[in-house]
PDB file of N, CA and C in Angstrom:
ATOM      1  N   MET A   1     -45.260 -24.465 -44.924  1.00  0.00           N
ATOM      2  CA  MET A   1     -46.075 -24.227 -43.764  1.00  0.00           C
ATOM      3  C   MET A   1     -45.372 -23.310 -42.794  1.00  0.00           C
ATOM      4  N   THR A   2     -46.102 -22.394 -42.233  1.00  0.00           N
ATOM      5  CA  THR A   2     -45.529 -21.485 -41.249  1.00  0.00           C
ATOM      6  C   THR A   2     -45.789 -22.002 -39.829  1.00  0.00           C
ATOM      7  N   ILE A   3     -45.039 -21.494 -38.891  1.00  0.00           N
ATOM      8  CA  ILE A   3     -45.242 -21.889 -37.508  1.00  0.00           C
ATOM      9  C   ILE A   3     -46.647 -21.480 -37.063  1.00  0.00           C
ATOM     10  N   SER A   4     -47.086 -20.308 -37.446  1.00  0.00           N
ATOM     11  CA  SER A   4     -48.446 -19.877 -37.057  1.00  0.00           C
ATOM     12  C   SER A   4     -49.520 -20.747 -37.682  1.00  0.00           C
ATOM     13  N   SER A   5     -49.310 -21.214 -38.921  1.00  0.00           N
ATOM     14  CA  SER A   5     -50.313 -22.114 -39.509  1.00  0.00           C
ATOM     15  C   SER A   5     -50.333 -23.479 -38.838  1.00  0.00           C
ATOM     16  N   LEU A   6     -49.173 -23.960 -38.400  1.00  0.00           N
ATOM     17  CA  LEU A   6     -49.121 -25.233 -37.657  1.00  0.00           C
ATOM     18  C   LEU A   6     -49.795 -25.055 -36.304  1.00  0.00           C
ATOM     19  N   LYS A   7     -49.568 -23.905 -35.651  1.00  0.00           N
ATOM     20  CA  LYS A   7     -50.226 -23.614 -34.372  1.00  0.00           C
ATOM     21  C   LYS A   7     -51.747 -23.590 -34.538  1.00  0.00           C
ATOM     22  N   THR A   8     -52.235 -22.937 -35.588  1.00  0.00           N
ATOM     23  CA  THR A   8     -53.678 -22.871 -35.851  1.00  0.00           C
ATOM     24  C   THR A   8     -54.237 -24.262 -36.143  1.00  0.00           C
ATOM     25  N   LEU A   9     -53.493 -25.077 -36.905  1.00  0.00           N
ATOM     26  CA  LEU A   9     -53.936 -26.423 -37.220  1.00  0.00           C
ATOM     27  C   LEU A   9     -54.120 -27.257 -35.922  1.00  0.00           C
ATOM     28  N   LEU A  10     -53.131 -27.133 -35.040  1.00  0.00           N
ATOM     29  CA  LEU A  10     -53.241 -27.906 -33.774  1.00  0.00           C
ATOM     30  C   LEU A  10     -54.378 -27.381 -32.884  1.00  0.00           C
ATOM     31  N   GLU A  11     -54.539 -26.061 -32.851  1.00  0.00           N
ATOM     32  CA  GLU A  11     -55.614 -25.454 -32.023  1.00  0.00           C
ATOM     33  C   GLU A  11     -56.974 -25.868 -32.531  1.00  0.00           C
ATOM     34  N   THR A  12     -57.175 -25.883 -33.866  1.00  0.00           N
ATOM     35  CA  THR A  12     -58.474 -26.287 -34.397  1.00  0.00           C
ATOM     36  C   THR A  12     -58.811 -27.748 -34.135  1.00  0.00           C
ATOM     37  N   ASN A  13     -57.770 -28.506 -33.743  1.00  0.00           N
ATOM     38  CA  ASN A  13     -57.996 -29.910 -33.370  1.00  0.00           C
ATOM     39  C   ASN A  13     -58.035 -30.117 -31.871  1.00  0.00           C
ATOM     40  N   GLY A  14     -58.181 -29.012 -31.141  1.00  0.00           N
ATOM     41  CA  GLY A  14     -58.422 -29.097 -29.698  1.00  0.00           C
ATOM     42  C   GLY A  14     -57.239 -29.018 -28.820  1.00  0.00           C
ATOM     43  N   PHE A  15     -56.057 -28.735 -29.363  1.00  0.00           N
ATOM     44  CA  PHE A  15     -54.839 -28.632 -28.536  1.00  0.00           C
ATOM     45  C   PHE A  15     -54.657 -27.211 -28.034  1.00  0.00           C
ATOM     46  N   ASN A  16     -54.234 -27.068 -26.789  1.00  0.00           N
ATOM     47  CA  ASN A  16     -53.832 -25.789 -26.217  1.00  0.00           C
ATOM     48  C   ASN A  16     -52.373 -25.582 -26.591  1.00  0.00           C
ATOM     49  N   VAL A  17     -52.043 -24.569 -27.433  1.00  0.00           N
ATOM     50  CA  VAL A  17     -50.688 -24.441 -27.948  1.00  0.00           C
ATOM     51  C   VAL A  17     -50.094 -23.121 -27.515  1.00  0.00           C
ATOM     52  N   ASN A  18     -48.837 -23.176 -27.100  1.00  0.00           N
ATOM     53  CA  ASN A  18     -48.101 -21.998 -26.665  1.00  0.00           C
ATOM     54  C   ASN A  18     -46.779 -21.913 -27.433  1.00  0.00           C
ATOM     55  N   LEU A  19     -46.327 -20.704 -27.690  1.00  0.00           N
ATOM     56  CA  LEU A  19     -45.065 -20.506 -28.380  1.00  0.00           C
ATOM     57  C   LEU A  19     -43.999 -20.156 -27.328  1.00  0.00           C
ATOM     58  N   GLY A  20     -42.925 -20.969 -27.252  1.00  0.00           N
ATOM     59  CA  GLY A  20     -41.834 -20.671 -26.319  1.00  0.00           C
ATOM     60  C   GLY A  20     -42.018 -21.252 -24.965  1.00  0.00           C
ATOM     61  N   VAL A  21     -43.008 -20.770 -24.222  1.00  0.00           N
ATOM     62  CA  VAL A  21     -43.251 -21.230 -22.855  1.00  0.00           C
ATOM     63  C   VAL A  21     -44.724 -21.061 -22.552  1.00  0.00           C
ATOM     64  N   ALA A  22     -45.219 -21.968 -21.739  1.00  0.00           N
ATOM     65  CA  ALA A  22     -46.641 -21.899 -21.328  1.00  0.00           C
ATOM     66  C   ALA A  22     -46.736 -20.965 -20.115  1.00  0.00           C
ATOM     67  N   PRO A  23     -47.784 -20.158 -20.022  1.00  0.00           N
ATOM     68  CA  PRO A  23     -47.942 -19.279 -18.867  1.00  0.00           C
ATOM     69  C   PRO A  23     -48.116 -20.126 -17.584  1.00  0.00           C
ATOM     70  N   ASP A  24     -47.695 -19.612 -16.447  1.00  0.00           N
ATOM     71  CA  ASP A  24     -47.875 -20.286 -15.201  1.00  0.00           C
ATOM     72  C   ASP A  24     -49.339 -20.618 -15.000  1.00  0.00           C
ATOM     73  N   GLY A  25     -49.615 -21.799 -14.522  1.00  0.00           N
ATOM     74  CA  GLY A  25     -51.003 -22.227 -14.255  1.00  0.00           C
ATOM     75  C   GLY A  25     -51.710 -22.821 -15.423  1.00  0.00           C
ATOM     76  N   THR A  26     -51.024 -22.981 -16.577  1.00  0.00           N
ATOM     77  CA  THR A  26     -51.668 -23.573 -17.725  1.00  0.00           C
ATOM     78  C   THR A  26     -52.009 -25.024 -17.400  1.00  0.00           C
ATOM     79  N   ALA A  27     -53.269 -25.389 -17.647  1.00  0.00           N
ATOM     80  CA  ALA A  27     -53.722 -26.741 -17.293  1.00  0.00           C
ATOM     81  C   ALA A  27     -53.228 -27.743 -18.349  1.00  0.00           C
ATOM     82  N   CYS A  28     -52.842 -28.930 -17.859  1.00  0.00           N
ATOM     83  CA  CYS A  28     -52.438 -30.018 -18.769  1.00  0.00           C
ATOM     84  C   CYS A  28     -53.689 -30.599 -19.406  1.00  0.00           C
ATOM     85  N   PRO A  29     -53.605 -31.107 -20.579  1.00  0.00           N
ATOM     86  CA  PRO A  29     -52.432 -31.177 -21.479  1.00  0.00           C
ATOM     87  C   PRO A  29     -52.302 -29.906 -22.303  1.00  0.00           C
ATOM     88  N   TYR A  30     -51.057 -29.609 -22.701  1.00  0.00           N
ATOM     89  CA  TYR A  30     -50.806 -28.494 -23.591  1.00  0.00           C
ATOM     90  C   TYR A  30     -49.553 -28.764 -24.388  1.00  0.00           C
ATOM     91  N   ILE A  31     -49.355 -27.988 -25.459  1.00  0.00           N
ATOM     92  CA  ILE A  31     -48.190 -28.123 -26.327  1.00  0.00           C
ATOM     93  C   ILE A  31     -47.424 -26.832 -26.276  1.00  0.00           C
ATOM     94  N   VAL A  32     -46.114 -26.937 -26.209  1.00  0.00           N
ATOM     95  CA  VAL A  32     -45.198 -25.775 -26.324  1.00  0.00           C
ATOM     96  C   VAL A  32     -44.295 -26.001 -27.509  1.00  0.00           C
ATOM     97  N   PHE A  33     -44.215 -25.022 -28.379  1.00  0.00           N
ATOM     98  CA  PHE A  33     -43.243 -25.039 -29.502  1.00  0.00           C
ATOM     99  C   PHE A  33     -41.905 -24.609 -28.897  1.00  0.00           C
ATOM    100  N   ARG A  34     -40.877 -25.432 -29.112  1.00  0.00           N
ATOM    101  CA  ARG A  34     -39.547 -25.097 -28.615  1.00  0.00           C
ATOM    102  C   ARG A  34     -38.488 -25.353 -29.642  1.00  0.00           C
ATOM    103  N   ASP A  35     -37.309 -24.830 -29.372  1.00  0.00           N
ATOM    104  CA  ASP A  35     -36.105 -25.165 -30.124  1.00  0.00           C
ATOM    105  C   ASP A  35     -36.233 -25.003 -31.626  1.00  0.00           C
ATOM    106  N   VAL A  36     -36.670 -23.816 -32.050  1.00  0.00           N
ATOM    107  CA  VAL A  36     -36.688 -23.596 -33.466  1.00  0.00           C
ATOM    108  C   VAL A  36     -35.254 -23.252 -33.889  1.00  0.00           C
ATOM    109  N   THR A  37     -34.707 -24.116 -34.728  1.00  0.00           N
ATOM    110  CA  THR A  37     -33.315 -23.952 -35.173  1.00  0.00           C
ATOM    111  C   THR A  37     -33.263 -24.123 -36.680  1.00  0.00           C
ATOM    112  N   ASN A  38     -32.142 -23.740 -37.257  1.00  0.00           N
ATOM    113  CA  ASN A  38     -31.929 -23.884 -38.689  1.00  0.00           C
ATOM    114  C   ASN A  38     -30.639 -24.634 -38.970  1.00  0.00           C
ATOM    115  N   PRO A  39     -30.654 -25.950 -38.851  1.00  0.00           N
ATOM    116  CA  PRO A  39     -29.456 -26.732 -39.117  1.00  0.00           C
ATOM    117  C   PRO A  39     -29.301 -27.025 -40.602  1.00  0.00           C
ATOM    118  N   ASN A  40     -29.061 -25.984 -41.374  1.00  0.00           N
ATOM    119  CA  ASN A  40     -28.969 -26.134 -42.836  1.00  0.00           C
ATOM    120  C   ASN A  40     -27.839 -27.091 -43.198  1.00  0.00           C
ATOM    121  N   PHE A  41     -28.021 -27.765 -44.333  1.00  0.00           N
ATOM    122  CA  PHE A  41     -26.925 -28.608 -44.852  1.00  0.00           C
ATOM    123  C   PHE A  41     -26.050 -27.723 -45.705  1.00  0.00           C
ATOM    124  N   ALA A  42     -24.743 -27.627 -45.319  1.00  0.00           N
ATOM    125  CA  ALA A  42     -23.799 -26.802 -46.057  1.00  0.00           C
ATOM    126  C   ALA A  42     -22.506 -27.581 -46.244  1.00  0.00           C
ATOM    127  N   ALA A  43     -21.848 -27.274 -47.340  1.00  0.00           N
ATOM    128  CA  ALA A  43     -20.535 -27.799 -47.646  1.00  0.00           C
ATOM    129  C   ALA A  43     -19.869 -26.910 -48.668  1.00  0.00           C
ATOM    130  N   ASP A  44     -18.558 -26.871 -48.616  1.00  0.00           N
ATOM    131  CA  ASP A  44     -17.781 -26.079 -49.568  1.00  0.00           C
ATOM    132  C   ASP A  44     -18.248 -24.620 -49.616  1.00  0.00           C
ATOM    133  N   ASN A  45     -18.516 -24.066 -48.431  1.00  0.00           N
ATOM    134  CA  ASN A  45     -18.911 -22.677 -48.304  1.00  0.00           C
ATOM    135  C   ASN A  45     -20.218 -22.327 -49.024  1.00  0.00           C
ATOM    136  N   LYS A  46     -21.112 -23.292 -49.104  1.00  0.00           N
ATOM    137  CA  LYS A  46     -22.412 -23.124 -49.768  1.00  0.00           C
ATOM    138  C   LYS A  46     -23.468 -23.873 -49.018  1.00  0.00           C
ATOM    139  N   THR A  47     -24.652 -23.251 -48.882  1.00  0.00           N
ATOM    140  CA  THR A  47     -25.806 -23.897 -48.266  1.00  0.00           C
ATOM    141  C   THR A  47     -26.562 -24.601 -49.377  1.00  0.00           C
ATOM    142  N   TYR A  48     -26.686 -25.921 -49.226  1.00  0.00           N
ATOM    143  CA  TYR A  48     -27.352 -26.714 -50.269  1.00  0.00           C
ATOM    144  C   TYR A  48     -28.834 -26.934 -49.955  1.00  0.00           C
ATOM    145  N   THR A  49     -29.162 -27.127 -48.712  1.00  0.00           N
ATOM    146  CA  THR A  49     -30.554 -27.387 -48.316  1.00  0.00           C
ATOM    147  C   THR A  49     -30.892 -26.605 -47.054  1.00  0.00           C
ATOM    148  N   GLU A  50     -31.914 -25.773 -47.110  1.00  0.00           N
ATOM    149  CA  GLU A  50     -32.387 -25.094 -45.927  1.00  0.00           C
ATOM    150  C   GLU A  50     -33.322 -26.002 -45.157  1.00  0.00           C
ATOM    151  N   THR A  51     -33.128 -26.066 -43.870  1.00  0.00           N
ATOM    152  CA  THR A  51     -34.012 -26.864 -43.019  1.00  0.00           C
ATOM    153  C   THR A  51     -34.349 -26.048 -41.739  1.00  0.00           C
ATOM    154  N   THR A  52     -35.451 -26.404 -41.134  1.00  0.00           N
ATOM    155  CA  THR A  52     -35.809 -25.837 -39.831  1.00  0.00           C
ATOM    156  C   THR A  52     -36.271 -27.004 -38.945  1.00  0.00           C
ATOM    157  N   SER A  53     -35.723 -27.037 -37.762  1.00  0.00           N
ATOM    158  CA  SER A  53     -36.143 -28.089 -36.798  1.00  0.00           C
ATOM    159  C   SER A  53     -37.011 -27.432 -35.735  1.00  0.00           C
ATOM    160  N   LEU A  54     -38.080 -28.113 -35.380  1.00  0.00           N
ATOM    161  CA  LEU A  54     -39.047 -27.622 -34.436  1.00  0.00           C
ATOM    162  C   LEU A  54     -39.408 -28.726 -33.454  1.00  0.00           C
ATOM    163  N   ARG A  55     -39.466 -28.411 -32.188  1.00  0.00           N
ATOM    164  CA  ARG A  55     -39.850 -29.410 -31.170  1.00  0.00           C
ATOM    165  C   ARG A  55     -41.237 -29.041 -30.636  1.00  0.00           C
ATOM    166  N   LEU A  56     -42.186 -29.938 -30.773  1.00  0.00           N
ATOM    167  CA  LEU A  56     -43.490 -29.823 -30.119  1.00  0.00           C
ATOM    168  C   LEU A  56     -43.366 -30.578 -28.828  1.00  0.00           C
ATOM    169  N   ASN A  57     -43.480 -29.889 -27.730  1.00  0.00           N
ATOM    170  CA  ASN A  57     -43.384 -30.476 -26.398  1.00  0.00           C
ATOM    171  C   ASN A  57     -44.808 -30.675 -25.843  1.00  0.00           C
ATOM    172  N   LEU A  58     -45.279 -31.930 -25.840  1.00  0.00           N
ATOM    173  CA  LEU A  58     -46.599 -32.220 -25.331  1.00  0.00           C
ATOM    174  C   LEU A  58     -46.499 -32.494 -23.832  1.00  0.00           C
ATOM    175  N   VAL A  59     -47.066 -31.640 -23.006  1.00  0.00           N
ATOM    176  CA  VAL A  59     -46.996 -31.787 -21.571  1.00  0.00           C
ATOM    177  C   VAL A  59     -48.346 -32.275 -21.062  1.00  0.00           C
ATOM    178  N   GLU A  60     -48.272 -33.372 -20.280  1.00  0.00           N
ATOM    179  CA  GLU A  60     -49.491 -33.965 -19.737  1.00  0.00           C
ATOM    180  C   GLU A  60     -49.327 -34.194 -18.229  1.00  0.00           C
ATOM    181  N   SER A  61     -50.416 -34.584 -17.595  1.00  0.00           N
ATOM    182  CA  SER A  61     -50.323 -34.948 -16.173  1.00  0.00           C
ATOM    183  C   SER A  61     -49.492 -36.220 -16.043  1.00  0.00           C
ATOM    184  N   GLU A  62     -49.449 -36.795 -14.879  1.00  0.00           N
ATOM    185  CA  GLU A  62     -48.601 -37.955 -14.616  1.00  0.00           C
ATOM    186  C   GLU A  62     -48.888 -39.134 -15.483  1.00  0.00           C
ATOM    187  N   VAL A  63     -50.123 -39.226 -16.030  1.00  0.00           N
ATOM    188  CA  VAL A  63     -50.516 -40.351 -16.819  1.00  0.00           C
ATOM    189  C   VAL A  63     -50.692 -39.912 -18.274  1.00  0.00           C
ATOM    190  N   ARG A  64     -50.029 -40.614 -19.167  1.00  0.00           N
ATOM    191  CA  ARG A  64     -50.127 -40.274 -20.612  1.00  0.00           C
ATOM    192  C   ARG A  64     -51.479 -40.632 -21.178  1.00  0.00           C
ATOM    193  N   ASN A  65     -51.998 -39.787 -22.004  1.00  0.00           N
ATOM    194  CA  ASN A  65     -53.244 -40.047 -22.719  1.00  0.00           C
ATOM    195  C   ASN A  65     -52.886 -40.492 -24.109  1.00  0.00           C
ATOM    196  N   TRP A  66     -52.850 -41.810 -24.342  1.00  0.00           N
ATOM    197  CA  TRP A  66     -52.387 -42.348 -25.618  1.00  0.00           C
ATOM    198  C   TRP A  66     -53.271 -41.935 -26.783  1.00  0.00           C
ATOM    199  N   SER A  67     -54.537 -41.705 -26.566  1.00  0.00           N
ATOM    200  CA  SER A  67     -55.401 -41.284 -27.666  1.00  0.00           C
ATOM    201  C   SER A  67     -55.023 -39.865 -28.103  1.00  0.00           C
ATOM    202  N   LEU A  68     -54.581 -39.028 -27.169  1.00  0.00           N
ATOM    203  CA  LEU A  68     -54.069 -37.689 -27.471  1.00  0.00           C
ATOM    204  C   LEU A  68     -52.851 -37.797 -28.384  1.00  0.00           C
ATOM    205  N   HIS A  69     -51.951 -38.735 -28.058  1.00  0.00           N
ATOM    206  CA  HIS A  69     -50.760 -38.948 -28.834  1.00  0.00           C
ATOM    207  C   HIS A  69     -51.154 -39.389 -30.264  1.00  0.00           C
ATOM    208  N   ALA A  70     -52.123 -40.297 -30.327  1.00  0.00           N
ATOM    209  CA  ALA A  70     -52.565 -40.806 -31.653  1.00  0.00           C
ATOM    210  C   ALA A  70     -53.134 -39.698 -32.485  1.00  0.00           C
ATOM    211  N   THR A  71     -53.890 -38.750 -31.863  1.00  0.00           N
ATOM    212  CA  THR A  71     -54.458 -37.619 -32.595  1.00  0.00           C
ATOM    213  C   THR A  71     -53.359 -36.724 -33.117  1.00  0.00           C
ATOM    214  N   LEU A  72     -52.364 -36.422 -32.279  1.00  0.00           N
ATOM    215  CA  LEU A  72     -51.259 -35.554 -32.712  1.00  0.00           C
ATOM    216  C   LEU A  72     -50.488 -36.212 -33.839  1.00  0.00           C
ATOM    217  N   LYS A  73     -50.201 -37.509 -33.736  1.00  0.00           N
ATOM    218  CA  LYS A  73     -49.505 -38.235 -34.800  1.00  0.00           C
ATOM    219  C   LYS A  73     -50.300 -38.230 -36.095  1.00  0.00           C
ATOM    220  N   ARG A  74     -51.594 -38.384 -35.994  1.00  0.00           N
ATOM    221  CA  ARG A  74     -52.493 -38.380 -37.158  1.00  0.00           C
ATOM    222  C   ARG A  74     -52.429 -37.038 -37.858  1.00  0.00           C
ATOM    223  N   ILE A  75     -52.473 -35.941 -37.061  1.00  0.00           N
ATOM    224  CA  ILE A  75     -52.427 -34.591 -37.646  1.00  0.00           C
ATOM    225  C   ILE A  75     -51.086 -34.371 -38.352  1.00  0.00           C
ATOM    226  N   LEU A  76     -49.994 -34.807 -37.742  1.00  0.00           N
ATOM    227  CA  LEU A  76     -48.692 -34.623 -38.383  1.00  0.00           C
ATOM    228  C   LEU A  76     -48.593 -35.472 -39.650  1.00  0.00           C
ATOM    229  N   ASP A  77     -49.053 -36.727 -39.589  1.00  0.00           N
ATOM    230  CA  ASP A  77     -48.986 -37.600 -40.743  1.00  0.00           C
ATOM    231  C   ASP A  77     -49.852 -37.046 -41.896  1.00  0.00           C
ATOM    232  N   GLU A  78     -51.085 -36.592 -41.604  1.00  0.00           N
ATOM    233  CA  GLU A  78     -51.985 -36.106 -42.636  1.00  0.00           C
ATOM    234  C   GLU A  78     -51.442 -34.854 -43.305  1.00  0.00           C
ATOM    235  N   ASN A  79     -50.524 -34.137 -42.624  1.00  0.00           N
ATOM    236  CA  ASN A  79     -49.991 -32.914 -43.205  1.00  0.00           C
ATOM    237  C   ASN A  79     -48.545 -33.102 -43.652  1.00  0.00           C
ATOM    238  N   SER A  80     -48.152 -34.360 -43.819  1.00  0.00           N
ATOM    239  CA  SER A  80     -46.811 -34.728 -44.349  1.00  0.00           C
ATOM    240  C   SER A  80     -45.712 -34.070 -43.538  1.00  0.00           C
ATOM    241  N   LEU A  81     -45.823 -34.118 -42.228  1.00  0.00           N
ATOM    242  CA  LEU A  81     -44.820 -33.592 -41.313  1.00  0.00           C
ATOM    243  C   LEU A  81     -44.132 -34.742 -40.619  1.00  0.00           C
ATOM    244  N   PRO A  82     -42.998 -35.217 -41.142  1.00  0.00           N
ATOM    245  CA  PRO A  82     -42.318 -36.342 -40.474  1.00  0.00           C
ATOM    246  C   PRO A  82     -41.795 -35.942 -39.103  1.00  0.00           C
ATOM    247  N   TYR A  83     -41.821 -36.858 -38.163  1.00  0.00           N
ATOM    248  CA  TYR A  83     -41.459 -36.593 -36.807  1.00  0.00           C
ATOM    249  C   TYR A  83     -40.753 -37.746 -36.160  1.00  0.00           C
ATOM    250  N   SER A  84     -40.026 -37.459 -35.086  1.00  0.00           N
ATOM    251  CA  SER A  84     -39.500 -38.523 -34.198  1.00  0.00           C
ATOM    252  C   SER A  84     -40.041 -38.196 -32.793  1.00  0.00           C
ATOM    253  N   VAL A  85     -40.173 -39.211 -31.969  1.00  0.00           N
ATOM    254  CA  VAL A  85     -40.808 -39.056 -30.669  1.00  0.00           C
ATOM    255  C   VAL A  85     -39.846 -39.484 -29.565  1.00  0.00           C
ATOM    256  N   THR A  86     -39.794 -38.665 -28.511  1.00  0.00           N
ATOM    257  CA  THR A  86     -39.019 -38.994 -27.315  1.00  0.00           C
ATOM    258  C   THR A  86     -39.956 -38.824 -26.105  1.00  0.00           C
ATOM    259  N   TYR A  87     -39.992 -39.832 -25.236  1.00  0.00           N
ATOM    260  CA  TYR A  87     -40.806 -39.805 -24.033  1.00  0.00           C
ATOM    261  C   TYR A  87     -39.963 -39.463 -22.811  1.00  0.00           C
ATOM    262  N   VAL A  88     -40.458 -38.521 -22.013  1.00  0.00           N
ATOM    263  CA  VAL A  88     -39.710 -38.095 -20.808  1.00  0.00           C
ATOM    264  C   VAL A  88     -40.712 -38.090 -19.615  1.00  0.00           C
ATOM    265  N   ASP A  89     -40.278 -38.667 -18.506  1.00  0.00           N
ATOM    266  CA  ASP A  89     -41.090 -38.598 -17.284  1.00  0.00           C
ATOM    267  C   ASP A  89     -40.371 -37.727 -16.295  1.00  0.00           C
ATOM    268  N   ASP A  90     -41.070 -36.711 -15.739  1.00  0.00           N
ATOM    269  CA  ASP A  90     -40.494 -35.800 -14.771  1.00  0.00           C
ATOM    270  C   ASP A  90     -41.273 -35.926 -13.477  1.00  0.00           C
ATOM    271  N   SER A  91     -40.791 -36.818 -12.617  1.00  0.00           N
ATOM    272  CA  SER A  91     -41.524 -37.098 -11.377  1.00  0.00           C
ATOM    273  C   SER A  91     -41.457 -35.905 -10.430  1.00  0.00           C
ATOM    274  N   ASP A  92     -40.423 -35.079 -10.511  1.00  0.00           N
ATOM    275  CA  ASP A  92     -40.313 -33.897  -9.692  1.00  0.00           C
ATOM    276  C   ASP A  92     -41.439 -32.884  -9.977  1.00  0.00           C
ATOM    277  N   GLU A  93     -41.753 -32.753 -11.255  1.00  0.00           N
ATOM    278  CA  GLU A  93     -42.789 -31.813 -11.669  1.00  0.00           C
ATOM    279  C   GLU A  93     -44.153 -32.447 -11.756  1.00  0.00           C
ATOM    280  N   GLN A  94     -44.232 -33.768 -11.573  1.00  0.00           N
ATOM    281  CA  GLN A  94     -45.495 -34.510 -11.654  1.00  0.00           C
ATOM    282  C   GLN A  94     -46.179 -34.359 -13.015  1.00  0.00           C
ATOM    283  N   VAL A  95     -45.360 -34.364 -14.074  1.00  0.00           N
ATOM    284  CA  VAL A  95     -45.898 -34.290 -15.418  1.00  0.00           C
ATOM    285  C   VAL A  95     -45.120 -35.313 -16.255  1.00  0.00           C
ATOM    286  N   THR A  96     -45.679 -35.647 -17.390  1.00  0.00           N
ATOM    287  CA  THR A  96     -44.961 -36.398 -18.423  1.00  0.00           C
ATOM    288  C   THR A  96     -44.835 -35.490 -19.633  1.00  0.00           C
ATOM    289  N   GLU A  97     -43.738 -35.630 -20.342  1.00  0.00           N
ATOM    290  CA  GLU A  97     -43.545 -34.819 -21.544  1.00  0.00           C
ATOM    291  C   GLU A  97     -43.204 -35.770 -22.708  1.00  0.00           C
ATOM    292  N   THR A  98     -43.696 -35.372 -23.851  1.00  0.00           N
ATOM    293  CA  THR A  98     -43.388 -36.123 -25.073  1.00  0.00           C
ATOM    294  C   THR A  98     -42.935 -35.102 -26.100  1.00  0.00           C
ATOM    295  N   TYR A  99     -41.740 -35.317 -26.643  1.00  0.00           N
ATOM    296  CA  TYR A  99     -41.166 -34.439 -27.647  1.00  0.00           C
ATOM    297  C   TYR A  99     -41.439 -34.991 -29.033  1.00  0.00           C
ATOM    298  N   PHE A 100     -42.059 -34.218 -29.849  1.00  0.00           N
ATOM    299  CA  PHE A 100     -42.240 -34.504 -31.258  1.00  0.00           C
ATOM    300  C   PHE A 100     -41.322 -33.587 -32.037  1.00  0.00           C
ATOM    301  N   ASP A 101     -40.210 -34.139 -32.536  1.00  0.00           N
ATOM    302  CA  ASP A 101     -39.223 -33.344 -33.256  1.00  0.00           C
ATOM    303  C   ASP A 101     -39.502 -33.440 -34.769  1.00  0.00           C
ATOM    304  N   ILE A 102     -39.661 -32.289 -35.385  1.00  0.00           N
ATOM    305  CA  ILE A 102     -40.004 -32.192 -36.795  1.00  0.00           C
ATOM    306  C   ILE A 102     -38.941 -31.406 -37.523  1.00  0.00           C
ATOM    307  N   THR A 103     -38.542 -31.880 -38.689  1.00  0.00           N
ATOM    308  CA  THR A 103     -37.603 -31.150 -39.521  1.00  0.00           C
ATOM    309  C   THR A 103     -38.277 -30.836 -40.830  1.00  0.00           C
ATOM    310  N   PHE A 104     -38.306 -29.568 -41.191  1.00  0.00           N
ATOM    311  CA  PHE A 104     -38.906 -29.077 -42.434  1.00  0.00           C
ATOM    312  C   PHE A 104     -37.800 -28.890 -43.440  1.00  0.00           C
ATOM    313  N   LEU A 105     -37.825 -29.647 -44.506  1.00  0.00           N
ATOM    314  CA  LEU A 105     -36.850 -29.400 -45.618  1.00  0.00           C
ATOM    315  C   LEU A 105     -37.347 -28.191 -46.376  1.00  0.00           C
ATOM    316  N   GLY A 106     -36.452 -27.373 -46.748  1.00  0.00           N
ATOM    317  CA  GLY A 106     -36.836 -26.154 -47.455  1.00  0.00           C
ATOM    318  C   GLY A 106     -37.124 -25.017 -46.522  1.00  0.00           C
ATOM    319  N   GLY A 107     -37.004 -25.305 -45.219  1.00  0.00           N
ATOM    320  CA  GLY A 107     -37.222 -24.270 -44.204  1.00  0.00           C
ATOM    321  C   GLY A 107     -38.702 -24.041 -43.927  1.00  0.00           C
ATOM    322  N   ILE A 108     -38.899 -23.242 -42.929  1.00  0.00           N
ATOM    323  CA  ILE A 108     -40.270 -22.834 -42.519  1.00  0.00           C
ATOM    324  C   ILE A 108     -40.221 -21.386 -42.137  1.00  0.00           C
ATOM    325  N   LEU A 109     -41.291 -20.682 -42.464  1.00  0.00           N
ATOM    326  CA  LEU A 109     -41.356 -19.280 -42.121  1.00  0.00           C
ATOM    327  C   LEU A 109     -41.699 -19.129 -40.651  1.00  0.00           C
ATOM    328  N   ASN A 110     -41.103 -18.186 -39.976  1.00  0.00           N
ATOM    329  CA  ASN A 110     -41.402 -17.945 -38.535  1.00  0.00           C
ATOM    330  C   ASN A 110     -42.568 -17.015 -38.359  1.00  0.00           C
ATOM    331  N   ALA A 111     -43.338 -16.794 -39.350  1.00  0.00           N
ATOM    332  CA  ALA A 111     -44.481 -15.858 -39.226  1.00  0.00           C
ATOM    333  C   ALA A 111     -45.639 -16.515 -38.521  1.00  0.00           C
TER     334      ALA A 111
END
């Protein structure tokens, strides 16, 4: 799966998705793709497994919409995208953020 195909998948399910950073004034809720890294597994001067880690940052107003979370989890599960979840409250910004961290074994294309 490519990043652009994941973006399209989320958009067709009603999510507002941005790559890198959301433009100023973007209305909540929205998703930002962040932290695309390649923590490949290597040993003995050889790469054994290519991986790509991606963070989906779900930004909401001060109150979390749990049905929105359930929808996002369903989409990830149905597409065999394992994830871990971290909840963050930012009272200074008056938003809540939820990080969905996904690791793709075999890597992911950045197209």
